[in-house]
Amino acid sequence: MNIRINPQSDVPIRYQLTEQIVFLIVTDRLKAGQQLPSVRELARRLKIHHNTVSESYQDLVRRKWLQRRRGSRLVVNAQESLTHPKQAQSMDDLINTTIRTARLMGYSMQSLRDRVRERLLSQPPDHILVIEQDPGLRELMREELRASLKWPVEACSREDLASNPGLAIGAVAVTPQHAVEAVDALFPKDRPVVPISFCSADEHVERIRNLAQPSTIAVISASNVFLKVARGILAPAVGQRHSLEEVLLTNDIPGAVRTADIVFCDSIAKRKVRQPNAIHYQLITLDSLKYVSATVKSYMSR
């Protein structure tokens, strides 16, 4: 075993020995089932007191890194025992062990932090990150991507990402087409941002134009921006002949929605509005959803 003890260090010898053995195990230089030297043999090799080795071994047995076999033999515990959540260390314990081992090996906390972040950023992504300024649109994009791709989806603003670059770790970034340039500057260069296009409202505009009688049209959405854009798009077809009601989604569906002749709903409102005249407006185009899906699959296959 490649273990180095420094008697002049402020770190107790027992602590040095224990954590270096743990490090040898987690880096696979001591393998499951491998027998460790006897207490007296290791004490002789390292030129330390045998009681120190004995106490270190006892600690490692208690923490389930080592196990006793027939007689007094000590062997490295099986990996299943080390990694099973009910038998092994918690994530905090694993992180604490890594920090302690890094200190023992002379690495600074700054270098450990930078290296860990670098390694995490290089790992394949495991979720989608929606980056959008308007909270309502963020939730709409999140809802539609989650429903379509069955993959974890998180969301944030550009300011959130700029102040916390760690949000990029493990993420495929998704943002509206017009914002790609601004988001690209905040994301790792080896993981390009995926642009999203929004559906046109041509079909819905035509539906209003074809109404035979003056009607009340309601638009209900979780996003103020959605409502604002809808007003501008539908206004020419609504004209003076029809009336338009814009409703920001809350827990209660107002009477204006219940009495409307046509109700346009975004993907979040669609779950709450059960009227037969409710018409779903899908925000993200089908081509964009397919593109995001293909991007995710390409990362998963690497």
C-alpha atoms as a PDB file:
ATOM      1  CA  MET A   1       0.000   0.000   0.000  1.00  0.00           C
ATOM      2  CA  ASN A   2       1.318   3.406  -0.969  1.00  0.00           C
ATOM      3  CA  ILE A   3       0.891   5.255   2.340  1.00  0.00           C
ATOM      4  CA  ARG A   4       3.070   8.090   3.560  1.00  0.00           C
ATOM      5  CA  ILE A   5       3.025   9.266   7.137  1.00  0.00           C
ATOM      6  CA  ASN A   6       4.458  12.605   8.264  1.00  0.00           C
ATOM      7  CA  PRO A   7       5.052  12.577  12.030  1.00  0.00           C
ATOM      8  CA  GLN A   8       5.739  16.356  11.978  1.00  0.00           C
ATOM      9  CA  SER A   9       2.324  17.174  10.510  1.00  0.00           C
ATOM     10  CA  ASP A  10      -0.378  18.866  12.577  1.00  0.00           C
ATOM     11  CA  VAL A  11      -2.728  16.128  11.330  1.00  0.00           C
ATOM     12  CA  PRO A  12      -2.727  13.182  13.801  1.00  0.00           C
ATOM     13  CA  ILE A  13      -0.954  10.067  12.499  1.00  0.00           C
ATOM     14  CA  ARG A  14      -4.044   7.903  13.010  1.00  0.00           C
ATOM     15  CA  TYR A  15      -6.085  10.357  10.943  1.00  0.00           C
ATOM     16  CA  GLN A  16      -3.480  10.374   8.160  1.00  0.00           C
ATOM     17  CA  LEU A  17      -3.476   6.582   8.016  1.00  0.00           C
ATOM     18  CA  THR A  18      -7.263   6.147   8.123  1.00  0.00           C
ATOM     19  CA  GLU A  19      -8.062   8.642   5.381  1.00  0.00           C
ATOM     20  CA  GLN A  20      -5.274   7.460   3.099  1.00  0.00           C
ATOM     21  CA  ILE A  21      -6.625   3.899   3.291  1.00  0.00           C
ATOM     22  CA  VAL A  22     -10.097   5.242   2.418  1.00  0.00           C
ATOM     23  CA  PHE A  23      -8.582   7.097  -0.524  1.00  0.00           C
ATOM     24  CA  LEU A  24      -6.861   3.924  -1.768  1.00  0.00           C
ATOM     25  CA  ILE A  25     -10.217   2.128  -1.642  1.00  0.00           C
ATOM     26  CA  VAL A  26     -12.289   4.787  -3.421  1.00  0.00           C
ATOM     27  CA  THR A  27      -9.643   5.121  -6.154  1.00  0.00           C
ATOM     28  CA  ASP A  28      -9.684   1.327  -6.631  1.00  0.00           C
ATOM     29  CA  ARG A  29      -6.055   0.847  -5.649  1.00  0.00           C
ATOM     30  CA  LEU A  30      -7.299  -1.343  -2.825  1.00  0.00           C
ATOM     31  CA  LYS A  31      -9.924  -3.654  -4.299  1.00  0.00           C
ATOM     32  CA  ALA A  32     -12.900  -5.413  -2.735  1.00  0.00           C
ATOM     33  CA  GLY A  33     -11.791  -8.570  -0.921  1.00  0.00           C
ATOM     34  CA  GLN A  34      -8.133  -7.553  -0.843  1.00  0.00           C
ATOM     35  CA  GLN A  35      -6.429  -8.412   2.448  1.00  0.00           C
ATOM     36  CA  LEU A  36      -4.683  -5.693   4.431  1.00  0.00           C
ATOM     37  CA  PRO A  37      -1.367  -6.173   6.229  1.00  0.00           C
ATOM     38  CA  SER A  38      -1.546  -7.209   9.862  1.00  0.00           C
ATOM     39  CA  VAL A  39      -1.454  -4.501  12.500  1.00  0.00           C
ATOM     40  CA  ARG A  40       2.162  -5.222  13.430  1.00  0.00           C
ATOM     41  CA  GLU A  41       3.319  -5.584   9.820  1.00  0.00           C
ATOM     42  CA  LEU A  42       1.859  -2.223   8.763  1.00  0.00           C
ATOM     43  CA  ALA A  43       3.182  -0.562  11.932  1.00  0.00           C
ATOM     44  CA  ARG A  44       6.649  -1.872  11.110  1.00  0.00           C
ATOM     45  CA  ARG A  45       6.442  -0.668   7.476  1.00  0.00           C
ATOM     46  CA  LEU A  46       5.302   2.817   8.440  1.00  0.00           C
ATOM     47  CA  LYS A  47       7.453   3.010  11.586  1.00  0.00           C
ATOM     48  CA  ILE A  48       4.516   3.952  13.797  1.00  0.00           C
ATOM     49  CA  HIS A  49       3.064   2.448  16.966  1.00  0.00           C
ATOM     50  CA  HIS A  50       0.955  -0.698  16.448  1.00  0.00           C
ATOM     51  CA  ASN A  51      -1.830   0.767  18.630  1.00  0.00           C
ATOM     52  CA  THR A  52      -2.236   3.568  16.095  1.00  0.00           C
ATOM     53  CA  VAL A  53      -2.721   1.042  13.275  1.00  0.00           C
ATOM     54  CA  SER A  54      -5.125  -0.997  15.408  1.00  0.00           C
ATOM     55  CA  GLU A  55      -7.278   2.058  16.181  1.00  0.00           C
ATOM     56  CA  SER A  56      -7.295   3.068  12.516  1.00  0.00           C
ATOM     57  CA  TYR A  57      -8.389  -0.415  11.429  1.00  0.00           C
ATOM     58  CA  GLN A  58     -11.152  -0.469  14.043  1.00  0.00           C
ATOM     59  CA  ASP A  59     -12.438   2.891  12.789  1.00  0.00           C
ATOM     60  CA  LEU A  60     -12.481   1.621   9.182  1.00  0.00           C
ATOM     61  CA  VAL A  61     -14.375  -1.512  10.212  1.00  0.00           C
ATOM     62  CA  ARG A  62     -16.917   0.609  12.062  1.00  0.00           C
ATOM     63  CA  ARG A  63     -17.361   2.820   8.989  1.00  0.00           C
ATOM     64  CA  LYS A  64     -17.723  -0.336   6.815  1.00  0.00           C
ATOM     65  CA  TRP A  65     -14.690   0.303   4.642  1.00  0.00           C
ATOM     66  CA  LEU A  66     -13.116  -2.897   5.998  1.00  0.00           C
ATOM     67  CA  GLN A  67     -14.569  -6.141   7.271  1.00  0.00           C
ATOM     68  CA  ARG A  68     -13.197  -8.939   9.398  1.00  0.00           C
ATOM     69  CA  ARG A  69     -12.946 -12.403   7.887  1.00  0.00           C
ATOM     70  CA  ARG A  70     -12.304 -15.722   9.610  1.00  0.00           C
ATOM     71  CA  GLY A  71      -9.582 -15.318  12.174  1.00  0.00           C
ATOM     72  CA  SER A  72      -8.250 -11.805  12.445  1.00  0.00           C
ATOM     73  CA  ARG A  73      -7.885 -11.053   8.733  1.00  0.00           C
ATOM     74  CA  LEU A  74      -9.086  -7.654   7.531  1.00  0.00           C
ATOM     75  CA  VAL A  75     -10.208  -7.205   3.917  1.00  0.00           C
ATOM     76  CA  VAL A  76     -11.662  -4.366   1.888  1.00  0.00           C
ATOM     77  CA  ASN A  77     -15.447  -4.409   2.025  1.00  0.00           C
ATOM     78  CA  ALA A  78     -17.438  -5.244  -1.109  1.00  0.00           C
ATOM     79  CA  GLN A  79     -18.392  -2.268  -3.248  1.00  0.00           C
ATOM     80  CA  GLU A  80     -22.102  -3.053  -2.868  1.00  0.00           C
ATOM     81  CA  SER A  81     -21.799  -2.452   0.870  1.00  0.00           C
ATOM     82  CA  LEU A  82     -19.929   0.789   0.344  1.00  0.00           C
ATOM     83  CA  THR A  83     -22.400   2.262  -2.106  1.00  0.00           C
ATOM     84  CA  HIS A  84     -25.769   1.035  -0.871  1.00  0.00           C
ATOM     85  CA  PRO A  85     -27.543   4.085   0.607  1.00  0.00           C
ATOM     86  CA  LYS A  86     -28.737   2.282   3.724  1.00  0.00           C
ATOM     87  CA  GLN A  87     -25.351   0.759   4.592  1.00  0.00           C
ATOM     88  CA  ALA A  88     -22.861   3.261   3.317  1.00  0.00           C
ATOM     89  CA  GLN A  89     -21.797   6.806   3.757  1.00  0.00           C
ATOM     90  CA  SER A  90     -24.189   9.598   2.898  1.00  0.00           C
ATOM     91  CA  MET A  91     -23.288  12.024   0.129  1.00  0.00           C
ATOM     92  CA  ASP A  92     -22.119  14.507   2.765  1.00  0.00           C
ATOM     93  CA  ASP A  93     -19.828  11.845   4.229  1.00  0.00           C
ATOM     94  CA  LEU A  94     -18.410  11.112   0.784  1.00  0.00           C
ATOM     95  CA  ILE A  95     -17.779  14.825   0.172  1.00  0.00           C
ATOM     96  CA  ASN A  96     -16.188  15.207   3.617  1.00  0.00           C
ATOM     97  CA  THR A  97     -13.902  12.244   2.908  1.00  0.00           C
ATOM     98  CA  THR A  98     -12.849  13.772  -0.400  1.00  0.00           C
ATOM     99  CA  ILE A  99     -12.094  17.119   1.270  1.00  0.00           C
ATOM    100  CA  ARG A 100     -10.091  15.485   4.054  1.00  0.00           C
ATOM    101  CA  THR A 101      -8.135  13.358   1.591  1.00  0.00           C
ATOM    102  CA  ALA A 102      -7.388  16.360  -0.626  1.00  0.00           C
ATOM    103  CA  ARG A 103      -6.049  18.247   2.390  1.00  0.00           C
ATOM    104  CA  LEU A 104      -3.860  15.287   3.364  1.00  0.00           C
ATOM    105  CA  MET A 105      -2.435  15.176  -0.155  1.00  0.00           C
ATOM    106  CA  GLY A 106      -1.638  18.878  -0.059  1.00  0.00           C
ATOM    107  CA  TYR A 107      -4.327  20.203  -2.402  1.00  0.00           C
ATOM    108  CA  SER A 108      -5.924  23.562  -1.643  1.00  0.00           C
ATOM    109  CA  MET A 109      -9.685  23.907  -1.347  1.00  0.00           C
ATOM    110  CA  GLN A 110      -9.587  26.341  -4.273  1.00  0.00           C
ATOM    111  CA  SER A 111      -7.900  23.799  -6.543  1.00  0.00           C
ATOM    112  CA  LEU A 112     -10.303  21.064  -5.391  1.00  0.00           C
ATOM    113  CA  ARG A 113     -13.314  23.280  -6.118  1.00  0.00           C
ATOM    114  CA  ASP A 114     -12.044  24.234  -9.582  1.00  0.00           C
ATOM    115  CA  ARG A 115     -11.189  20.654 -10.495  1.00  0.00           C
ATOM    116  CA  VAL A 116     -14.520  19.262  -9.293  1.00  0.00           C
ATOM    117  CA  ARG A 117     -16.441  21.921 -11.251  1.00  0.00           C
ATOM    118  CA  GLU A 118     -14.331  21.196 -14.346  1.00  0.00           C
ATOM    119  CA  ARG A 119     -15.052  17.466 -14.090  1.00  0.00           C
ATOM    120  CA  LEU A 120     -18.760  18.007 -13.483  1.00  0.00           C
ATOM    121  CA  LEU A 121     -19.049  20.288 -16.512  1.00  0.00           C
ATOM    122  CA  SER A 122     -17.427  17.596 -18.655  1.00  0.00           C
ATOM    123  CA  GLN A 123     -19.966  14.937 -17.658  1.00  0.00           C
ATOM    124  CA  PRO A 124     -22.909  14.073 -19.954  1.00  0.00           C
ATOM    125  CA  PRO A 125     -25.998  16.171 -19.138  1.00  0.00           C
ATOM    126  CA  ASP A 126     -28.831  14.696 -17.111  1.00  0.00           C
ATOM    127  CA  HIS A 127     -31.476  17.428 -17.398  1.00  0.00           C
ATOM    128  CA  ILE A 128     -32.715  20.348 -19.498  1.00  0.00           C
ATOM    129  CA  LEU A 129     -32.303  23.931 -18.317  1.00  0.00           C
ATOM    130  CA  VAL A 130     -34.824  26.435 -19.698  1.00  0.00           C
ATOM    131  CA  ILE A 131     -33.374  29.947 -19.740  1.00  0.00           C
ATOM    132  CA  GLU A 132     -36.029  32.644 -20.185  1.00  0.00           C
ATOM    133  CA  GLN A 133     -36.556  36.076 -18.665  1.00  0.00           C
ATOM    134  CA  ASP A 134     -40.339  35.967 -18.164  1.00  0.00           C
ATOM    135  CA  PRO A 135     -41.330  33.674 -15.248  1.00  0.00           C
ATOM    136  CA  GLY A 136     -44.592  32.662 -16.911  1.00  0.00           C
ATOM    137  CA  LEU A 137     -42.971  31.728 -20.216  1.00  0.00           C
ATOM    138  CA  ARG A 138     -40.297  29.809 -18.286  1.00  0.00           C
ATOM    139  CA  GLU A 139     -42.970  27.675 -16.676  1.00  0.00           C
ATOM    140  CA  LEU A 140     -44.777  27.155 -19.985  1.00  0.00           C
ATOM    141  CA  MET A 141     -41.603  26.029 -21.727  1.00  0.00           C
ATOM    142  CA  ARG A 142     -40.755  23.822 -18.775  1.00  0.00           C
ATOM    143  CA  GLU A 143     -44.202  22.222 -18.827  1.00  0.00           C
ATOM    144  CA  GLU A 144     -44.160  21.486 -22.558  1.00  0.00           C
ATOM    145  CA  LEU A 145     -40.602  20.130 -22.595  1.00  0.00           C
ATOM    146  CA  ARG A 146     -41.240  17.916 -19.579  1.00  0.00           C
ATOM    147  CA  ALA A 147     -44.445  16.530 -21.093  1.00  0.00           C
ATOM    148  CA  SER A 148     -42.861  15.893 -24.469  1.00  0.00           C
ATOM    149  CA  LEU A 149     -39.444  14.532 -23.513  1.00  0.00           C
ATOM    150  CA  LYS A 150     -40.037  12.844 -20.133  1.00  0.00           C
ATOM    151  CA  TRP A 151     -36.696  14.255 -18.948  1.00  0.00           C
ATOM    152  CA  PRO A 152     -36.028  16.400 -15.850  1.00  0.00           C
ATOM    153  CA  VAL A 153     -36.438  20.098 -16.699  1.00  0.00           C
ATOM    154  CA  GLU A 154     -35.245  23.036 -14.602  1.00  0.00           C
ATOM    155  CA  ALA A 155     -35.582  26.754 -15.389  1.00  0.00           C
ATOM    156  CA  CYS A 156     -33.880  30.046 -14.609  1.00  0.00           C
ATOM    157  CA  SER A 157     -33.284  33.553 -15.941  1.00  0.00           C
ATOM    158  CA  ARG A 158     -30.068  34.804 -17.547  1.00  0.00           C
ATOM    159  CA  GLU A 159     -29.334  36.747 -14.359  1.00  0.00           C
ATOM    160  CA  ASP A 160     -29.690  33.547 -12.319  1.00  0.00           C
ATOM    161  CA  LEU A 161     -27.205  31.763 -14.569  1.00  0.00           C
ATOM    162  CA  ALA A 162     -24.745  34.667 -14.581  1.00  0.00           C
ATOM    163  CA  SER A 163     -24.702  34.852 -10.776  1.00  0.00           C
ATOM    164  CA  ASN A 164     -24.593  31.065 -10.340  1.00  0.00           C
ATOM    165  CA  PRO A 165     -22.627  29.404 -13.189  1.00  0.00           C
ATOM    166  CA  GLY A 166     -23.040  26.075 -11.406  1.00  0.00           C
ATOM    167  CA  LEU A 167     -26.561  25.904 -12.838  1.00  0.00           C
ATOM    168  CA  ALA A 168     -24.931  24.912 -16.144  1.00  0.00           C
ATOM    169  CA  ILE A 169     -23.566  21.687 -14.638  1.00  0.00           C
ATOM    170  CA  GLY A 170     -25.243  18.655 -16.173  1.00  0.00           C
ATOM    171  CA  ALA A 171     -27.636  20.756 -18.241  1.00  0.00           C
ATOM    172  CA  VAL A 172     -28.703  21.026 -21.870  1.00  0.00           C
ATOM    173  CA  ALA A 173     -29.546  24.721 -22.227  1.00  0.00           C
ATOM    174  CA  VAL A 174     -32.756  25.635 -24.047  1.00  0.00           C
ATOM    175  CA  THR A 175     -33.799  29.220 -24.821  1.00  0.00           C
ATOM    176  CA  PRO A 176     -35.941  31.127 -27.345  1.00  0.00           C
ATOM    177  CA  GLN A 177     -34.257  31.712 -30.708  1.00  0.00           C
ATOM    178  CA  HIS A 178     -33.918  35.460 -30.163  1.00  0.00           C
ATOM    179  CA  ALA A 179     -31.985  34.972 -26.896  1.00  0.00           C
ATOM    180  CA  VAL A 180     -29.439  32.369 -28.028  1.00  0.00           C
ATOM    181  CA  GLU A 181     -26.555  34.823 -28.417  1.00  0.00           C
ATOM    182  CA  ALA A 182     -27.003  36.244 -24.908  1.00  0.00           C
ATOM    183  CA  VAL A 183     -27.237  32.783 -23.323  1.00  0.00           C
ATOM    184  CA  ASP A 184     -24.321  31.330 -25.306  1.00  0.00           C
ATOM    185  CA  ALA A 185     -22.016  33.763 -23.549  1.00  0.00           C
ATOM    186  CA  LEU A 186     -23.026  32.257 -20.194  1.00  0.00           C
ATOM    187  CA  PHE A 187     -22.745  28.577 -21.110  1.00  0.00           C
ATOM    188  CA  PRO A 188     -19.795  26.194 -21.696  1.00  0.00           C
ATOM    189  CA  LYS A 189     -18.594  26.427 -25.296  1.00  0.00           C
ATOM    190  CA  ASP A 190     -18.562  22.659 -25.784  1.00  0.00           C
ATOM    191  CA  ARG A 191     -22.298  22.407 -25.067  1.00  0.00           C
ATOM    192  CA  PRO A 192     -24.126  24.764 -27.477  1.00  0.00           C
ATOM    193  CA  VAL A 193     -27.425  26.294 -26.447  1.00  0.00           C
ATOM    194  CA  VAL A 194     -30.466  24.777 -28.164  1.00  0.00           C
ATOM    195  CA  PRO A 195     -32.758  27.391 -29.773  1.00  0.00           C
ATOM    196  CA  ILE A 196     -36.532  27.129 -29.401  1.00  0.00           C
ATOM    197  CA  SER A 197     -39.084  28.465 -31.876  1.00  0.00           C
ATOM    198  CA  PHE A 198     -42.650  29.377 -30.912  1.00  0.00           C
ATOM    199  CA  CYS A 199     -45.754  28.339 -32.838  1.00  0.00           C
ATOM    200  CA  SER A 200     -47.585  30.845 -35.020  1.00  0.00           C
ATOM    201  CA  ALA A 201     -51.214  31.705 -34.242  1.00  0.00           C
ATOM    202  CA  ASP A 202     -52.407  31.561 -37.853  1.00  0.00           C
ATOM    203  CA  GLU A 203     -54.879  28.760 -37.188  1.00  0.00           C
ATOM    204  CA  HIS A 204     -56.379  30.567 -34.183  1.00  0.00           C
ATOM    205  CA  VAL A 205     -56.636  33.883 -36.020  1.00  0.00           C
ATOM    206  CA  GLU A 206     -58.450  32.158 -38.871  1.00  0.00           C
ATOM    207  CA  ARG A 207     -60.839  30.544 -36.412  1.00  0.00           C
ATOM    208  CA  ILE A 208     -61.864  33.988 -35.121  1.00  0.00           C
ATOM    209  CA  ARG A 209     -62.290  35.353 -38.648  1.00  0.00           C
ATOM    210  CA  ASN A 210     -64.663  32.507 -39.470  1.00  0.00           C
ATOM    211  CA  LEU A 211     -67.021  33.204 -36.551  1.00  0.00           C
ATOM    212  CA  ALA A 212     -70.534  33.812 -37.894  1.00  0.00           C
ATOM    213  CA  GLN A 213     -71.776  35.808 -34.889  1.00  0.00           C
ATOM    214  CA  PRO A 214     -70.232  38.471 -32.631  1.00  0.00           C
ATOM    215  CA  SER A 215     -68.458  36.505 -29.922  1.00  0.00           C
ATOM    216  CA  THR A 216     -66.457  36.769 -26.732  1.00  0.00           C
ATOM    217  CA  ILE A 217     -62.942  35.370 -27.009  1.00  0.00           C
ATOM    218  CA  ALA A 218     -60.925  34.646 -23.875  1.00  0.00           C
ATOM    219  CA  VAL A 219     -57.202  33.995 -23.657  1.00  0.00           C
ATOM    220  CA  ILE A 220     -55.991  32.431 -20.424  1.00  0.00           C
ATOM    221  CA  SER A 221     -52.313  31.984 -19.652  1.00  0.00           C
ATOM    222  CA  ALA A 222     -49.757  31.675 -16.849  1.00  0.00           C
ATOM    223  CA  SER A 223     -47.675  34.358 -18.575  1.00  0.00           C
ATOM    224  CA  ASN A 224     -48.286  38.093 -18.867  1.00  0.00           C
ATOM    225  CA  VAL A 225     -46.005  38.121 -21.902  1.00  0.00           C
ATOM    226  CA  PHE A 226     -48.124  35.430 -23.554  1.00  0.00           C
ATOM    227  CA  LEU A 227     -51.248  37.521 -22.988  1.00  0.00           C
ATOM    228  CA  LYS A 228     -49.601  40.670 -24.282  1.00  0.00           C
ATOM    229  CA  VAL A 229     -48.477  38.975 -27.494  1.00  0.00           C
ATOM    230  CA  ALA A 230     -51.871  37.297 -27.943  1.00  0.00           C
ATOM    231  CA  ARG A 231     -53.572  40.679 -27.738  1.00  0.00           C
ATOM    232  CA  GLY A 232     -51.447  42.041 -30.562  1.00  0.00           C
ATOM    233  CA  ILE A 233     -51.817  38.954 -32.763  1.00  0.00           C
ATOM    234  CA  LEU A 234     -55.564  38.478 -32.317  1.00  0.00           C
ATOM    235  CA  ALA A 235     -56.565  42.156 -32.352  1.00  0.00           C
ATOM    236  CA  PRO A 236     -56.935  42.487 -36.162  1.00  0.00           C
ATOM    237  CA  ALA A 237     -59.265  39.465 -36.298  1.00  0.00           C
ATOM    238  CA  VAL A 238     -61.237  40.520 -33.214  1.00  0.00           C
ATOM    239  CA  GLY A 239     -61.691  44.081 -34.463  1.00  0.00           C
ATOM    240  CA  GLN A 240     -64.862  45.860 -33.322  1.00  0.00           C
ATOM    241  CA  ARG A 241     -67.060  42.848 -33.988  1.00  0.00           C
ATOM    242  CA  HIS A 242     -65.868  40.623 -31.126  1.00  0.00           C
ATOM    243  CA  SER A 243     -64.635  41.216 -27.601  1.00  0.00           C
ATOM    244  CA  LEU A 244     -61.357  39.923 -26.189  1.00  0.00           C
ATOM    245  CA  GLU A 245     -60.773  38.962 -22.550  1.00  0.00           C
ATOM    246  CA  GLU A 246     -57.215  38.389 -21.289  1.00  0.00           C
ATOM    247  CA  VAL A 247     -57.000  36.289 -18.127  1.00  0.00           C
ATOM    248  CA  LEU A 248     -53.856  35.649 -16.088  1.00  0.00           C
ATOM    249  CA  LEU A 249     -54.114  32.134 -14.679  1.00  0.00           C
ATOM    250  CA  THR A 250     -54.827  31.848 -10.945  1.00  0.00           C
ATOM    251  CA  ASN A 251     -56.283  29.117  -8.775  1.00  0.00           C
ATOM    252  CA  ASP A 252     -59.836  30.188  -9.691  1.00  0.00           C
ATOM    253  CA  ILE A 253     -61.206  30.351 -13.217  1.00  0.00           C
ATOM    254  CA  PRO A 254     -63.115  33.669 -13.542  1.00  0.00           C
ATOM    255  CA  GLY A 255     -66.599  33.975 -14.944  1.00  0.00           C
ATOM    256  CA  ALA A 256     -65.318  35.699 -18.092  1.00  0.00           C
ATOM    257  CA  VAL A 257     -63.735  32.402 -19.104  1.00  0.00           C
ATOM    258  CA  ARG A 258     -66.827  30.326 -18.327  1.00  0.00           C
ATOM    259  CA  THR A 259     -69.103  32.525 -20.446  1.00  0.00           C
ATOM    260  CA  ALA A 260     -66.730  33.016 -23.386  1.00  0.00           C
ATOM    261  CA  ASP A 261     -67.583  31.538 -26.763  1.00  0.00           C
ATOM    262  CA  ILE A 262     -63.958  30.522 -27.422  1.00  0.00           C
ATOM    263  CA  VAL A 263     -61.235  30.039 -24.810  1.00  0.00           C
ATOM    264  CA  PHE A 264     -57.616  29.870 -25.934  1.00  0.00           C
ATOM    265  CA  CYS A 265     -55.494  28.133 -23.245  1.00  0.00           C
ATOM    266  CA  ASP A 266     -51.766  27.743 -22.883  1.00  0.00           C
ATOM    267  CA  SER A 267     -50.366  24.345 -21.826  1.00  0.00           C
ATOM    268  CA  ILE A 268     -50.645  25.085 -18.099  1.00  0.00           C
ATOM    269  CA  ALA A 269     -54.167  26.550 -18.293  1.00  0.00           C
ATOM    270  CA  LYS A 270     -55.279  23.571 -20.383  1.00  0.00           C
ATOM    271  CA  ARG A 271     -55.103  21.373 -17.289  1.00  0.00           C
ATOM    272  CA  LYS A 272     -57.550  23.603 -15.413  1.00  0.00           C
ATOM    273  CA  VAL A 273     -60.029  24.699 -18.085  1.00  0.00           C
ATOM    274  CA  ARG A 274     -62.404  21.826 -18.775  1.00  0.00           C
ATOM    275  CA  GLN A 275     -64.856  23.620 -21.069  1.00  0.00           C
ATOM    276  CA  PRO A 276     -65.690  21.997 -24.426  1.00  0.00           C
ATOM    277  CA  ASN A 277     -64.908  25.272 -26.220  1.00  0.00           C
ATOM    278  CA  ALA A 278     -61.355  25.425 -24.814  1.00  0.00           C
ATOM    279  CA  ILE A 279     -58.677  25.416 -27.512  1.00  0.00           C
ATOM    280  CA  HIS A 280     -55.088  24.517 -26.670  1.00  0.00           C
ATOM    281  CA  TYR A 281     -52.326  26.810 -27.876  1.00  0.00           C
ATOM    282  CA  GLN A 282     -48.997  24.908 -27.933  1.00  0.00           C
ATOM    283  CA  LEU A 283     -46.155  27.368 -27.361  1.00  0.00           C
ATOM    284  CA  ILE A 284     -43.159  25.394 -28.659  1.00  0.00           C
ATOM    285  CA  THR A 285     -43.160  24.160 -32.256  1.00  0.00           C
ATOM    286  CA  LEU A 286     -43.094  20.420 -32.928  1.00  0.00           C
ATOM    287  CA  ASP A 287     -39.837  20.816 -34.887  1.00  0.00           C
ATOM    288  CA  SER A 288     -38.195  22.454 -31.868  1.00  0.00           C
ATOM    289  CA  LEU A 289     -39.347  19.669 -29.560  1.00  0.00           C
ATOM    290  CA  LYS A 290     -37.921  17.090 -31.979  1.00  0.00           C
ATOM    291  CA  TYR A 291     -34.643  19.015 -32.149  1.00  0.00           C
ATOM    292  CA  VAL A 292     -34.305  19.142 -28.360  1.00  0.00           C
ATOM    293  CA  SER A 293     -35.129  15.425 -28.165  1.00  0.00           C
ATOM    294  CA  ALA A 294     -32.463  14.583 -30.757  1.00  0.00           C
ATOM    295  CA  THR A 295     -29.906  16.711 -28.889  1.00  0.00           C
ATOM    296  CA  VAL A 296     -30.651  14.956 -25.611  1.00  0.00           C
ATOM    297  CA  LYS A 297     -30.334  11.512 -27.264  1.00  0.00           C
ATOM    298  CA  SER A 298     -27.015  12.474 -28.835  1.00  0.00           C
ATOM    299  CA  TYR A 299     -25.568  13.341 -25.418  1.00  0.00           C
ATOM    300  CA  MET A 300     -26.929  10.156 -23.856  1.00  0.00           C
ATOM    301  CA  SER A 301     -25.333   7.988 -26.554  1.00  0.00           C
ATOM    302  CA  ARG A 302     -21.813   9.361 -26.019  1.00  0.00           C
END
